[in-house]
Amino acid sequence: MGNLLDVVIIGAGPAGLSAAIYAKRAMLNFVVLEKFLPGGGIANTFELENYLGLGKVSGMEMADLMLKHVNDLGIEITTEEVREVSLNATIKEIKTDKKTYQSKNVVIASGASPRKLGCLGEDKFLGRGVSNCATCDGFLYKNKKVMVVGGGDVAVEDAIYLSRIAKEVILVHRRDQLRAVKSLQERVFKIDNVKILWDSELLEIKGEDFVESTTVFNNKTKMKTSLDVDGVFIAVGYNPNIGYLNNDIEKDDSGWIKTNHRCETNIKNVYAVGDIRDTLLRQVATAVSDGAIAISDLSKSL
């Protein structure tokens, strides 16, 4: 089992990395567990311009800055996937694909993953013309025709980013107005090669080996339209990464973990921070704040 830790931090996105920095400064005995690459979802974000002090930076640049900060403090990130947790006892157990950790406290910072649209062909063509990450895969569609599905910040950001690469971008949104912040809406409306299909839903993605066309349904006219595209980028929100958690932790109807203002869950000495918790705003700024709050609170009882 190893030594008893003060805290196990699950996830190395902005919330988890912030928690790690505060844990290091508090001289706690801790480990940071991350199943993929550190940095979280921001590494897949084209551009951020609302983080105080940094101005306009790419998501990759911000992730690199955060990792450098963590590395400069001598904090190591352990690449292991958490498979199971036992949290109700005083000593918590966190089982990964490699070992089991015991800890007095747990900070859950495992974030969220892109939500599936659920249309025909989505799974079949994933990685073969269907993507959830414009900044990862956009370069494949130089001078081609692509579709973006969604109406929030991420969808509009993706459309703006892809407009610089693709010949044409079709933004499909099921309502008659976008949910993205006004500044993003103003930008996308000015781009000549972005066409918006209002009141529309993607029904099917078709092709042989790769995406070739789509079927779109207009929920006002009730008409179906076939559109030829080379790629489809789906940006319809996120689901919390809670697959390894049991039902002991209280969640809302959508699966987001409920917390108080100190980021405490309903289980003593278990905290949830960043995108995984039920919060009004899922941004880098709030994630970093959450990590700091959780460690500052739990360190008082150690």
C-alpha atoms as a PDB file:
ATOM      1  CA  MET A   1       0.000   0.000   0.000  1.00  0.00           C
ATOM      2  CA  GLY A   2       2.787   2.426   0.777  1.00  0.00           C
ATOM      3  CA  ASN A   3       2.838   5.387   3.121  1.00  0.00           C
ATOM      4  CA  LEU A   4      -0.303   7.214   4.173  1.00  0.00           C
ATOM      5  CA  LEU A   5      -0.625  10.372   2.082  1.00  0.00           C
ATOM      6  CA  ASP A   6      -2.092  13.689   3.139  1.00  0.00           C
ATOM      7  CA  VAL A   7      -3.939  14.017  -0.150  1.00  0.00           C
ATOM      8  CA  VAL A   8      -4.393  12.286  -3.486  1.00  0.00           C
ATOM      9  CA  ILE A   9      -5.210  14.617  -6.389  1.00  0.00           C
ATOM     10  CA  ILE A  10      -7.043  12.857  -9.240  1.00  0.00           C
ATOM     11  CA  GLY A  11      -6.461  14.737 -12.482  1.00  0.00           C
ATOM     12  CA  ALA A  12      -3.804  17.104 -13.800  1.00  0.00           C
ATOM     13  CA  GLY A  13      -5.813  19.771 -15.564  1.00  0.00           C
ATOM     14  CA  PRO A  14      -5.785  23.392 -14.322  1.00  0.00           C
ATOM     15  CA  ALA A  15      -7.734  22.494 -11.151  1.00  0.00           C
ATOM     16  CA  GLY A  16      -5.512  19.549 -10.275  1.00  0.00           C
ATOM     17  CA  LEU A  17      -2.291  21.407 -11.060  1.00  0.00           C
ATOM     18  CA  SER A  18      -3.407  24.376  -8.962  1.00  0.00           C
ATOM     19  CA  ALA A  19      -4.175  21.988  -6.098  1.00  0.00           C
ATOM     20  CA  ALA A  20      -0.715  20.457  -6.516  1.00  0.00           C
ATOM     21  CA  ILE A  21       0.999  23.842  -6.280  1.00  0.00           C
ATOM     22  CA  TYR A  22      -0.867  24.691  -3.082  1.00  0.00           C
ATOM     23  CA  ALA A  23      -0.186  21.220  -1.665  1.00  0.00           C
ATOM     24  CA  LYS A  24       3.518  21.697  -2.364  1.00  0.00           C
ATOM     25  CA  ARG A  25       3.544  25.118  -0.704  1.00  0.00           C
ATOM     26  CA  ALA A  26       1.747  23.643   2.324  1.00  0.00           C
ATOM     27  CA  MET A  27       4.458  20.926   2.471  1.00  0.00           C
ATOM     28  CA  LEU A  28       1.896  18.142   2.224  1.00  0.00           C
ATOM     29  CA  ASN A  29       2.652  14.542   1.321  1.00  0.00           C
ATOM     30  CA  PHE A  30       0.674  14.079  -1.897  1.00  0.00           C
ATOM     31  CA  VAL A  31       0.470  12.492  -5.325  1.00  0.00           C
ATOM     32  CA  VAL A  32      -1.092  13.722  -8.581  1.00  0.00           C
ATOM     33  CA  LEU A  33      -2.636  10.986 -10.735  1.00  0.00           C
ATOM     34  CA  GLU A  34      -3.344  11.576 -14.429  1.00  0.00           C
ATOM     35  CA  LYS A  35      -4.364   8.893 -16.925  1.00  0.00           C
ATOM     36  CA  PHE A  36      -3.595  10.909 -20.074  1.00  0.00           C
ATOM     37  CA  LEU A  37      -1.452  13.972 -20.576  1.00  0.00           C
ATOM     38  CA  PRO A  38      -1.273  16.763 -17.985  1.00  0.00           C
ATOM     39  CA  GLY A  39      -2.840  20.075 -18.896  1.00  0.00           C
ATOM     40  CA  GLY A  40      -6.440  18.969 -19.296  1.00  0.00           C
ATOM     41  CA  GLY A  41      -8.834  20.185 -21.947  1.00  0.00           C
ATOM     42  CA  ILE A  42      -7.163  23.565 -22.395  1.00  0.00           C
ATOM     43  CA  ALA A  43      -4.453  21.914 -24.495  1.00  0.00           C
ATOM     44  CA  ASN A  44      -7.173  21.292 -27.114  1.00  0.00           C
ATOM     45  CA  THR A  45      -8.433  24.891 -27.032  1.00  0.00           C
ATOM     46  CA  PHE A  46      -7.312  27.094 -29.897  1.00  0.00           C
ATOM     47  CA  GLU A  47      -7.225  30.430 -28.104  1.00  0.00           C
ATOM     48  CA  LEU A  48      -7.875  31.890 -24.652  1.00  0.00           C
ATOM     49  CA  GLU A  49      -8.076  35.591 -23.980  1.00  0.00           C
ATOM     50  CA  ASN A  50      -9.876  35.843 -20.630  1.00  0.00           C
ATOM     51  CA  TYR A  51      -7.243  34.608 -18.157  1.00  0.00           C
ATOM     52  CA  LEU A  52      -6.069  37.595 -16.165  1.00  0.00           C
ATOM     53  CA  GLY A  53      -2.491  38.631 -16.856  1.00  0.00           C
ATOM     54  CA  LEU A  54      -1.830  36.442 -19.891  1.00  0.00           C
ATOM     55  CA  GLY A  55      -3.862  38.177 -22.568  1.00  0.00           C
ATOM     56  CA  LYS A  56      -4.389  36.142 -25.737  1.00  0.00           C
ATOM     57  CA  VAL A  57      -2.619  32.772 -25.699  1.00  0.00           C
ATOM     58  CA  SER A  58      -3.205  29.392 -27.280  1.00  0.00           C
ATOM     59  CA  GLY A  59      -4.468  26.565 -25.098  1.00  0.00           C
ATOM     60  CA  MET A  60      -1.224  24.675 -25.652  1.00  0.00           C
ATOM     61  CA  GLU A  61       0.818  27.679 -24.547  1.00  0.00           C
ATOM     62  CA  MET A  62      -1.211  28.014 -21.355  1.00  0.00           C
ATOM     63  CA  ALA A  63      -0.896  24.291 -20.618  1.00  0.00           C
ATOM     64  CA  ASP A  64       2.879  24.515 -21.144  1.00  0.00           C
ATOM     65  CA  LEU A  65       3.121  27.503 -18.783  1.00  0.00           C
ATOM     66  CA  MET A  66       1.193  25.656 -16.090  1.00  0.00           C
ATOM     67  CA  LEU A  67       3.307  22.528 -16.462  1.00  0.00           C
ATOM     68  CA  LYS A  68       6.510  24.556 -16.308  1.00  0.00           C
ATOM     69  CA  HIS A  69       5.321  26.157 -13.069  1.00  0.00           C
ATOM     70  CA  VAL A  70       4.577  22.733 -11.594  1.00  0.00           C
ATOM     71  CA  ASN A  71       7.849  21.235 -12.811  1.00  0.00           C
ATOM     72  CA  ASP A  72       9.869  24.167 -11.472  1.00  0.00           C
ATOM     73  CA  LEU A  73       8.473  23.375  -8.024  1.00  0.00           C
ATOM     74  CA  GLY A  74       9.638  19.784  -8.314  1.00  0.00           C
ATOM     75  CA  ILE A  75       6.133  18.335  -8.490  1.00  0.00           C
ATOM     76  CA  GLU A  76       5.880  15.001 -10.282  1.00  0.00           C
ATOM     77  CA  ILE A  77       2.752  13.861 -12.089  1.00  0.00           C
ATOM     78  CA  THR A  78       2.117  10.118 -11.916  1.00  0.00           C
ATOM     79  CA  THR A  79       0.689   8.591 -15.090  1.00  0.00           C
ATOM     80  CA  GLU A  80      -1.868   6.122 -13.769  1.00  0.00           C
ATOM     81  CA  GLU A  81      -5.581   5.653 -14.385  1.00  0.00           C
ATOM     82  CA  VAL A  82      -7.828   5.623 -11.345  1.00  0.00           C
ATOM     83  CA  ARG A  83     -10.097   2.597 -11.601  1.00  0.00           C
ATOM     84  CA  GLU A  84     -11.860   2.520  -8.225  1.00  0.00           C
ATOM     85  CA  VAL A  85     -12.119   4.534  -5.020  1.00  0.00           C
ATOM     86  CA  SER A  86     -13.249   3.821  -1.449  1.00  0.00           C
ATOM     87  CA  LEU A  87     -13.951   7.156   0.187  1.00  0.00           C
ATOM     88  CA  ASN A  88     -16.309   6.714   3.137  1.00  0.00           C
ATOM     89  CA  ALA A  89     -13.730   5.537   5.685  1.00  0.00           C
ATOM     90  CA  THR A  90     -11.328   7.884   7.459  1.00  0.00           C
ATOM     91  CA  ILE A  91      -8.483   6.462   5.386  1.00  0.00           C
ATOM     92  CA  LYS A  92      -9.396   6.708   1.707  1.00  0.00           C
ATOM     93  CA  GLU A  93      -8.251   4.136  -0.834  1.00  0.00           C
ATOM     94  CA  ILE A  94      -7.591   5.000  -4.475  1.00  0.00           C
ATOM     95  CA  LYS A  95      -6.955   2.055  -6.789  1.00  0.00           C
ATOM     96  CA  THR A  96      -5.252   2.696 -10.122  1.00  0.00           C
ATOM     97  CA  ASP A  97      -4.252   0.399 -12.961  1.00  0.00           C
ATOM     98  CA  LYS A  98      -0.904  -0.050 -11.194  1.00  0.00           C
ATOM     99  CA  LYS A  99      -1.282   0.229  -7.424  1.00  0.00           C
ATOM    100  CA  THR A 100      -3.410   1.318  -4.457  1.00  0.00           C
ATOM    101  CA  TYR A 101      -2.912   4.592  -2.567  1.00  0.00           C
ATOM    102  CA  GLN A 102      -4.097   5.427   0.936  1.00  0.00           C
ATOM    103  CA  SER A 103      -4.795   9.018   1.878  1.00  0.00           C
ATOM    104  CA  LYS A 104      -6.449  11.197   4.506  1.00  0.00           C
ATOM    105  CA  ASN A 105      -7.964  13.437   1.821  1.00  0.00           C
ATOM    106  CA  VAL A 106      -8.925  13.190  -1.843  1.00  0.00           C
ATOM    107  CA  VAL A 107      -9.278  16.005  -4.381  1.00  0.00           C
ATOM    108  CA  ILE A 108     -11.276  14.937  -7.432  1.00  0.00           C
ATOM    109  CA  ALA A 109     -10.162  16.951 -10.461  1.00  0.00           C
ATOM    110  CA  SER A 110     -10.811  14.534 -13.301  1.00  0.00           C
ATOM    111  CA  GLY A 111     -12.697  17.061 -15.403  1.00  0.00           C
ATOM    112  CA  ALA A 112     -15.111  16.338 -18.235  1.00  0.00           C
ATOM    113  CA  SER A 113     -15.130  14.750 -21.689  1.00  0.00           C
ATOM    114  CA  PRO A 114     -16.864  15.833 -24.911  1.00  0.00           C
ATOM    115  CA  ARG A 115     -20.498  14.800 -25.098  1.00  0.00           C
ATOM    116  CA  LYS A 116     -21.658  12.649 -27.974  1.00  0.00           C
ATOM    117  CA  LEU A 117     -24.328  13.941 -30.311  1.00  0.00           C
ATOM    118  CA  GLY A 118     -25.911  10.508 -30.749  1.00  0.00           C
ATOM    119  CA  CYS A 119     -26.599  10.738 -34.477  1.00  0.00           C
ATOM    120  CA  LEU A 120     -26.216   7.915 -36.973  1.00  0.00           C
ATOM    121  CA  GLY A 121     -22.638   7.478 -38.188  1.00  0.00           C
ATOM    122  CA  GLU A 122     -21.032   9.389 -35.310  1.00  0.00           C
ATOM    123  CA  ASP A 123     -19.270   6.374 -33.829  1.00  0.00           C
ATOM    124  CA  LYS A 124     -18.565   4.743 -37.190  1.00  0.00           C
ATOM    125  CA  PHE A 125     -16.653   7.741 -38.523  1.00  0.00           C
ATOM    126  CA  LEU A 126     -14.948   8.873 -35.316  1.00  0.00           C
ATOM    127  CA  GLY A 127     -11.334   9.489 -36.315  1.00  0.00           C
ATOM    128  CA  ARG A 128     -12.308   9.158 -39.979  1.00  0.00           C
ATOM    129  CA  GLY A 129     -13.872  12.552 -40.479  1.00  0.00           C
ATOM    130  CA  VAL A 130     -15.673  12.973 -37.144  1.00  0.00           C
ATOM    131  CA  SER A 131     -13.771  14.832 -34.419  1.00  0.00           C
ATOM    132  CA  ASN A 132     -14.329  16.524 -31.062  1.00  0.00           C
ATOM    133  CA  CYS A 133     -11.177  18.637 -31.322  1.00  0.00           C
ATOM    134  CA  ALA A 134     -10.767  21.289 -34.007  1.00  0.00           C
ATOM    135  CA  THR A 135      -7.292  22.305 -32.878  1.00  0.00           C
ATOM    136  CA  CYS A 136      -6.153  18.655 -32.954  1.00  0.00           C
ATOM    137  CA  ASP A 137      -7.549  17.728 -36.356  1.00  0.00           C
ATOM    138  CA  GLY A 138      -8.294  20.981 -38.162  1.00  0.00           C
ATOM    139  CA  PHE A 139      -5.073  20.890 -40.197  1.00  0.00           C
ATOM    140  CA  LEU A 140      -6.402  17.811 -42.029  1.00  0.00           C
ATOM    141  CA  TYR A 141      -9.088  19.917 -43.696  1.00  0.00           C
ATOM    142  CA  LYS A 142      -7.084  22.591 -45.487  1.00  0.00           C
ATOM    143  CA  ASN A 143      -9.199  24.026 -48.315  1.00  0.00           C
ATOM    144  CA  LYS A 144     -11.943  21.479 -47.595  1.00  0.00           C
ATOM    145  CA  LYS A 145     -15.555  21.776 -46.452  1.00  0.00           C
ATOM    146  CA  VAL A 146     -16.359  21.049 -42.799  1.00  0.00           C
ATOM    147  CA  MET A 147     -19.323  21.147 -40.451  1.00  0.00           C
ATOM    148  CA  VAL A 148     -19.374  22.208 -36.797  1.00  0.00           C
ATOM    149  CA  VAL A 149     -22.330  21.162 -34.626  1.00  0.00           C
ATOM    150  CA  GLY A 150     -23.218  23.241 -31.557  1.00  0.00           C
ATOM    151  CA  GLY A 151     -23.997  26.771 -30.460  1.00  0.00           C
ATOM    152  CA  GLY A 152     -21.901  27.429 -27.371  1.00  0.00           C
ATOM    153  CA  ASP A 153     -18.466  28.962 -26.882  1.00  0.00           C
ATOM    154  CA  VAL A 154     -16.548  25.866 -27.986  1.00  0.00           C
ATOM    155  CA  ALA A 155     -18.564  25.383 -31.170  1.00  0.00           C
ATOM    156  CA  VAL A 156     -18.157  29.023 -32.197  1.00  0.00           C
ATOM    157  CA  GLU A 157     -14.453  29.003 -31.314  1.00  0.00           C
ATOM    158  CA  ASP A 158     -14.067  25.885 -33.449  1.00  0.00           C
ATOM    159  CA  ALA A 159     -15.870  27.530 -36.368  1.00  0.00           C
ATOM    160  CA  ILE A 160     -13.625  30.596 -36.130  1.00  0.00           C
ATOM    161  CA  TYR A 161     -10.494  28.462 -35.958  1.00  0.00           C
ATOM    162  CA  LEU A 162     -11.522  26.222 -38.846  1.00  0.00           C
ATOM    163  CA  SER A 163     -12.466  29.204 -41.025  1.00  0.00           C
ATOM    164  CA  ARG A 164      -8.741  29.970 -41.290  1.00  0.00           C
ATOM    165  CA  ILE A 165      -8.008  26.492 -42.639  1.00  0.00           C
ATOM    166  CA  ALA A 166     -11.067  25.154 -44.435  1.00  0.00           C
ATOM    167  CA  LYS A 167     -12.621  26.471 -47.631  1.00  0.00           C
ATOM    168  CA  GLU A 168     -16.075  26.535 -46.035  1.00  0.00           C
ATOM    169  CA  VAL A 169     -17.430  26.016 -42.518  1.00  0.00           C
ATOM    170  CA  ILE A 170     -21.070  25.165 -41.858  1.00  0.00           C
ATOM    171  CA  LEU A 171     -22.160  25.820 -38.269  1.00  0.00           C
ATOM    172  CA  VAL A 172     -25.263  23.792 -37.395  1.00  0.00           C
ATOM    173  CA  HIS A 173     -27.295  24.906 -34.386  1.00  0.00           C
ATOM    174  CA  ARG A 174     -30.657  23.602 -33.242  1.00  0.00           C
ATOM    175  CA  ARG A 175     -31.932  26.995 -32.052  1.00  0.00           C
ATOM    176  CA  ASP A 176     -32.399  30.394 -33.701  1.00  0.00           C
ATOM    177  CA  GLN A 177     -29.636  32.093 -31.733  1.00  0.00           C
ATOM    178  CA  LEU A 178     -26.222  31.078 -30.425  1.00  0.00           C
ATOM    179  CA  ARG A 179     -25.420  30.483 -26.750  1.00  0.00           C
ATOM    180  CA  ALA A 180     -21.801  31.646 -27.105  1.00  0.00           C
ATOM    181  CA  VAL A 181     -20.658  34.893 -25.494  1.00  0.00           C
ATOM    182  CA  LYS A 182     -21.431  38.011 -27.522  1.00  0.00           C
ATOM    183  CA  SER A 183     -17.797  38.718 -28.388  1.00  0.00           C
ATOM    184  CA  LEU A 184     -17.466  35.343 -30.100  1.00  0.00           C
ATOM    185  CA  GLN A 185     -20.790  35.760 -31.883  1.00  0.00           C
ATOM    186  CA  GLU A 186     -19.700  39.127 -33.275  1.00  0.00           C
ATOM    187  CA  ARG A 187     -16.506  37.571 -34.607  1.00  0.00           C
ATOM    188  CA  VAL A 188     -18.113  34.584 -36.278  1.00  0.00           C
ATOM    189  CA  PHE A 189     -20.858  36.644 -37.921  1.00  0.00           C
ATOM    190  CA  LYS A 190     -18.184  38.662 -39.758  1.00  0.00           C
ATOM    191  CA  ILE A 191     -16.435  35.656 -41.310  1.00  0.00           C
ATOM    192  CA  ASP A 192     -17.367  35.186 -44.963  1.00  0.00           C
ATOM    193  CA  ASN A 193     -16.693  31.455 -45.224  1.00  0.00           C
ATOM    194  CA  VAL A 194     -18.767  30.518 -42.159  1.00  0.00           C
ATOM    195  CA  LYS A 195     -22.389  29.698 -42.910  1.00  0.00           C
ATOM    196  CA  ILE A 196     -24.840  29.172 -40.029  1.00  0.00           C
ATOM    197  CA  LEU A 197     -27.775  26.778 -40.323  1.00  0.00           C
ATOM    198  CA  TRP A 198     -30.294  27.876 -37.713  1.00  0.00           C
ATOM    199  CA  ASP A 199     -32.971  25.635 -36.159  1.00  0.00           C
ATOM    200  CA  SER A 200     -31.149  22.615 -37.525  1.00  0.00           C
ATOM    201  CA  GLU A 201     -30.027  19.233 -36.226  1.00  0.00           C
ATOM    202  CA  LEU A 202     -27.554  16.734 -37.621  1.00  0.00           C
ATOM    203  CA  LEU A 203     -29.375  13.443 -38.205  1.00  0.00           C
ATOM    204  CA  GLU A 204     -26.789  11.306 -39.978  1.00  0.00           C
ATOM    205  CA  ILE A 205     -23.161  11.243 -41.079  1.00  0.00           C
ATOM    206  CA  LYS A 206     -22.559   9.187 -44.226  1.00  0.00           C
ATOM    207  CA  GLY A 207     -19.707   7.904 -46.348  1.00  0.00           C
ATOM    208  CA  GLU A 208     -17.711   4.831 -47.322  1.00  0.00           C
ATOM    209  CA  ASP A 209     -14.378   4.755 -45.481  1.00  0.00           C
ATOM    210  CA  PHE A 210     -14.468   8.459 -44.523  1.00  0.00           C
ATOM    211  CA  VAL A 211     -17.090  11.172 -44.082  1.00  0.00           C
ATOM    212  CA  GLU A 212     -18.601  12.250 -47.379  1.00  0.00           C
ATOM    213  CA  SER A 213     -21.985  13.796 -46.569  1.00  0.00           C
ATOM    214  CA  THR A 214     -24.518  14.567 -43.865  1.00  0.00           C
ATOM    215  CA  THR A 215     -28.266  14.751 -43.447  1.00  0.00           C
ATOM    216  CA  VAL A 216     -29.539  17.841 -41.614  1.00  0.00           C
ATOM    217  CA  PHE A 217     -33.084  18.342 -40.338  1.00  0.00           C
ATOM    218  CA  ASN A 218     -34.650  21.778 -39.975  1.00  0.00           C
ATOM    219  CA  ASN A 219     -36.924  21.611 -36.925  1.00  0.00           C
ATOM    220  CA  LYS A 220     -39.071  24.540 -38.136  1.00  0.00           C
ATOM    221  CA  THR A 221     -39.607  23.693 -41.804  1.00  0.00           C
ATOM    222  CA  LYS A 222     -39.406  19.919 -41.036  1.00  0.00           C
ATOM    223  CA  MET A 223     -37.272  19.503 -44.155  1.00  0.00           C
ATOM    224  CA  LYS A 224     -34.228  17.249 -44.509  1.00  0.00           C
ATOM    225  CA  THR A 225     -31.206  18.423 -46.481  1.00  0.00           C
ATOM    226  CA  SER A 226     -28.197  16.458 -47.702  1.00  0.00           C
ATOM    227  CA  LEU A 227     -24.902  18.336 -47.441  1.00  0.00           C
ATOM    228  CA  ASP A 228     -21.539  17.179 -48.768  1.00  0.00           C
ATOM    229  CA  VAL A 229     -18.749  17.743 -46.230  1.00  0.00           C
ATOM    230  CA  ASP A 230     -15.273  16.315 -45.638  1.00  0.00           C
ATOM    231  CA  GLY A 231     -15.347  16.526 -41.854  1.00  0.00           C
ATOM    232  CA  VAL A 232     -17.707  16.976 -38.910  1.00  0.00           C
ATOM    233  CA  PHE A 233     -16.657  18.583 -35.634  1.00  0.00           C
ATOM    234  CA  ILE A 234     -19.035  17.939 -32.751  1.00  0.00           C
ATOM    235  CA  ALA A 235     -19.065  20.539 -29.955  1.00  0.00           C
ATOM    236  CA  VAL A 236     -22.254  20.020 -27.942  1.00  0.00           C
ATOM    237  CA  GLY A 237     -20.985  20.188 -24.396  1.00  0.00           C
ATOM    238  CA  TYR A 238     -19.339  17.857 -21.912  1.00  0.00           C
ATOM    239  CA  ASN A 239     -20.066  15.047 -19.480  1.00  0.00           C
ATOM    240  CA  PRO A 240     -18.269  14.697 -16.117  1.00  0.00           C
ATOM    241  CA  ASN A 241     -15.565  12.026 -15.877  1.00  0.00           C
ATOM    242  CA  ILE A 242     -17.096  10.095 -12.988  1.00  0.00           C
ATOM    243  CA  GLY A 243     -16.922   6.519 -14.262  1.00  0.00           C
ATOM    244  CA  TYR A 244     -14.545   5.417 -11.501  1.00  0.00           C
ATOM    245  CA  LEU A 245     -16.682   6.884  -8.704  1.00  0.00           C
ATOM    246  CA  ASN A 246     -19.407   5.016  -6.842  1.00  0.00           C
ATOM    247  CA  ASN A 247     -22.796   6.380  -5.853  1.00  0.00           C
ATOM    248  CA  ASP A 248     -21.651   7.555  -2.411  1.00  0.00           C
ATOM    249  CA  ILE A 249     -20.734  10.985  -3.749  1.00  0.00           C
ATOM    250  CA  GLU A 250     -23.746  13.215  -4.261  1.00  0.00           C
ATOM    251  CA  LYS A 251     -24.255  14.414  -7.840  1.00  0.00           C
ATOM    252  CA  ASP A 252     -26.890  16.413  -9.677  1.00  0.00           C
ATOM    253  CA  ASP A 253     -29.150  14.928 -12.349  1.00  0.00           C
ATOM    254  CA  SER A 254     -26.474  15.393 -15.020  1.00  0.00           C
ATOM    255  CA  GLY A 255     -23.733  13.744 -12.986  1.00  0.00           C
ATOM    256  CA  TRP A 256     -21.832  16.854 -11.872  1.00  0.00           C
ATOM    257  CA  ILE A 257     -20.553  16.497  -8.301  1.00  0.00           C
ATOM    258  CA  LYS A 258     -22.293  18.671  -5.732  1.00  0.00           C
ATOM    259  CA  THR A 259     -20.034  20.739  -3.462  1.00  0.00           C
ATOM    260  CA  ASN A 260     -20.225  23.620  -1.013  1.00  0.00           C
ATOM    261  CA  HIS A 261     -18.317  26.899  -1.315  1.00  0.00           C
ATOM    262  CA  ARG A 262     -15.181  25.188   0.011  1.00  0.00           C
ATOM    263  CA  CYS A 263     -15.412  22.563  -2.762  1.00  0.00           C
ATOM    264  CA  GLU A 264     -16.285  19.876  -0.183  1.00  0.00           C
ATOM    265  CA  THR A 265     -18.465  16.988  -1.301  1.00  0.00           C
ATOM    266  CA  ASN A 266     -20.976  15.241   0.966  1.00  0.00           C
ATOM    267  CA  ILE A 267     -18.172  12.892   2.080  1.00  0.00           C
ATOM    268  CA  LYS A 268     -15.816  14.245   4.741  1.00  0.00           C
ATOM    269  CA  ASN A 269     -12.312  15.040   3.459  1.00  0.00           C
ATOM    270  CA  VAL A 270     -13.308  14.504  -0.171  1.00  0.00           C
ATOM    271  CA  TYR A 271     -13.280  17.539  -2.456  1.00  0.00           C
ATOM    272  CA  ALA A 272     -14.283  18.108  -6.083  1.00  0.00           C
ATOM    273  CA  VAL A 273     -12.685  20.908  -8.099  1.00  0.00           C
ATOM    274  CA  GLY A 274     -12.818  22.295 -11.622  1.00  0.00           C
ATOM    275  CA  ASP A 275     -15.103  21.185 -14.420  1.00  0.00           C
ATOM    276  CA  ILE A 276     -16.302  18.022 -12.688  1.00  0.00           C
ATOM    277  CA  ARG A 277     -18.265  19.854 -10.019  1.00  0.00           C
ATOM    278  CA  ASP A 278     -21.669  21.521 -10.181  1.00  0.00           C
ATOM    279  CA  THR A 279     -20.631  25.102 -10.818  1.00  0.00           C
ATOM    280  CA  LEU A 280     -21.913  28.220 -12.539  1.00  0.00           C
ATOM    281  CA  LEU A 281     -18.841  28.625 -14.739  1.00  0.00           C
ATOM    282  CA  ARG A 282     -16.396  26.070 -16.156  1.00  0.00           C
ATOM    283  CA  GLN A 283     -13.333  28.108 -17.041  1.00  0.00           C
ATOM    284  CA  VAL A 284      -9.600  27.932 -16.355  1.00  0.00           C
ATOM    285  CA  ALA A 285      -9.947  30.801 -13.880  1.00  0.00           C
ATOM    286  CA  THR A 286     -12.569  29.013 -11.789  1.00  0.00           C
ATOM    287  CA  ALA A 287     -10.728  25.676 -11.974  1.00  0.00           C
ATOM    288  CA  VAL A 288      -7.511  27.212 -10.666  1.00  0.00           C
ATOM    289  CA  SER A 289      -9.468  28.908  -7.893  1.00  0.00           C
ATOM    290  CA  ASP A 290     -11.158  25.645  -6.914  1.00  0.00           C
ATOM    291  CA  GLY A 291      -7.832  23.826  -6.578  1.00  0.00           C
ATOM    292  CA  ALA A 292      -6.463  26.525  -4.321  1.00  0.00           C
ATOM    293  CA  ILE A 293      -9.594  26.625  -2.147  1.00  0.00           C
ATOM    294  CA  ALA A 294      -9.740  22.846  -1.641  1.00  0.00           C
ATOM    295  CA  ILE A 295      -6.121  22.476  -0.540  1.00  0.00           C
ATOM    296  CA  SER A 296      -6.279  25.580   1.637  1.00  0.00           C
ATOM    297  CA  ASP A 297      -9.316  24.149   3.410  1.00  0.00           C
ATOM    298  CA  LEU A 298      -8.138  20.586   3.886  1.00  0.00           C
ATOM    299  CA  SER A 299      -4.643  21.593   5.029  1.00  0.00           C
ATOM    300  CA  LYS A 300      -6.149  23.297   8.070  1.00  0.00           C
ATOM    301  CA  SER A 301      -7.126  19.935   9.553  1.00  0.00           C
ATOM    302  CA  LEU A 302      -3.767  18.215   8.971  1.00  0.00           C
END
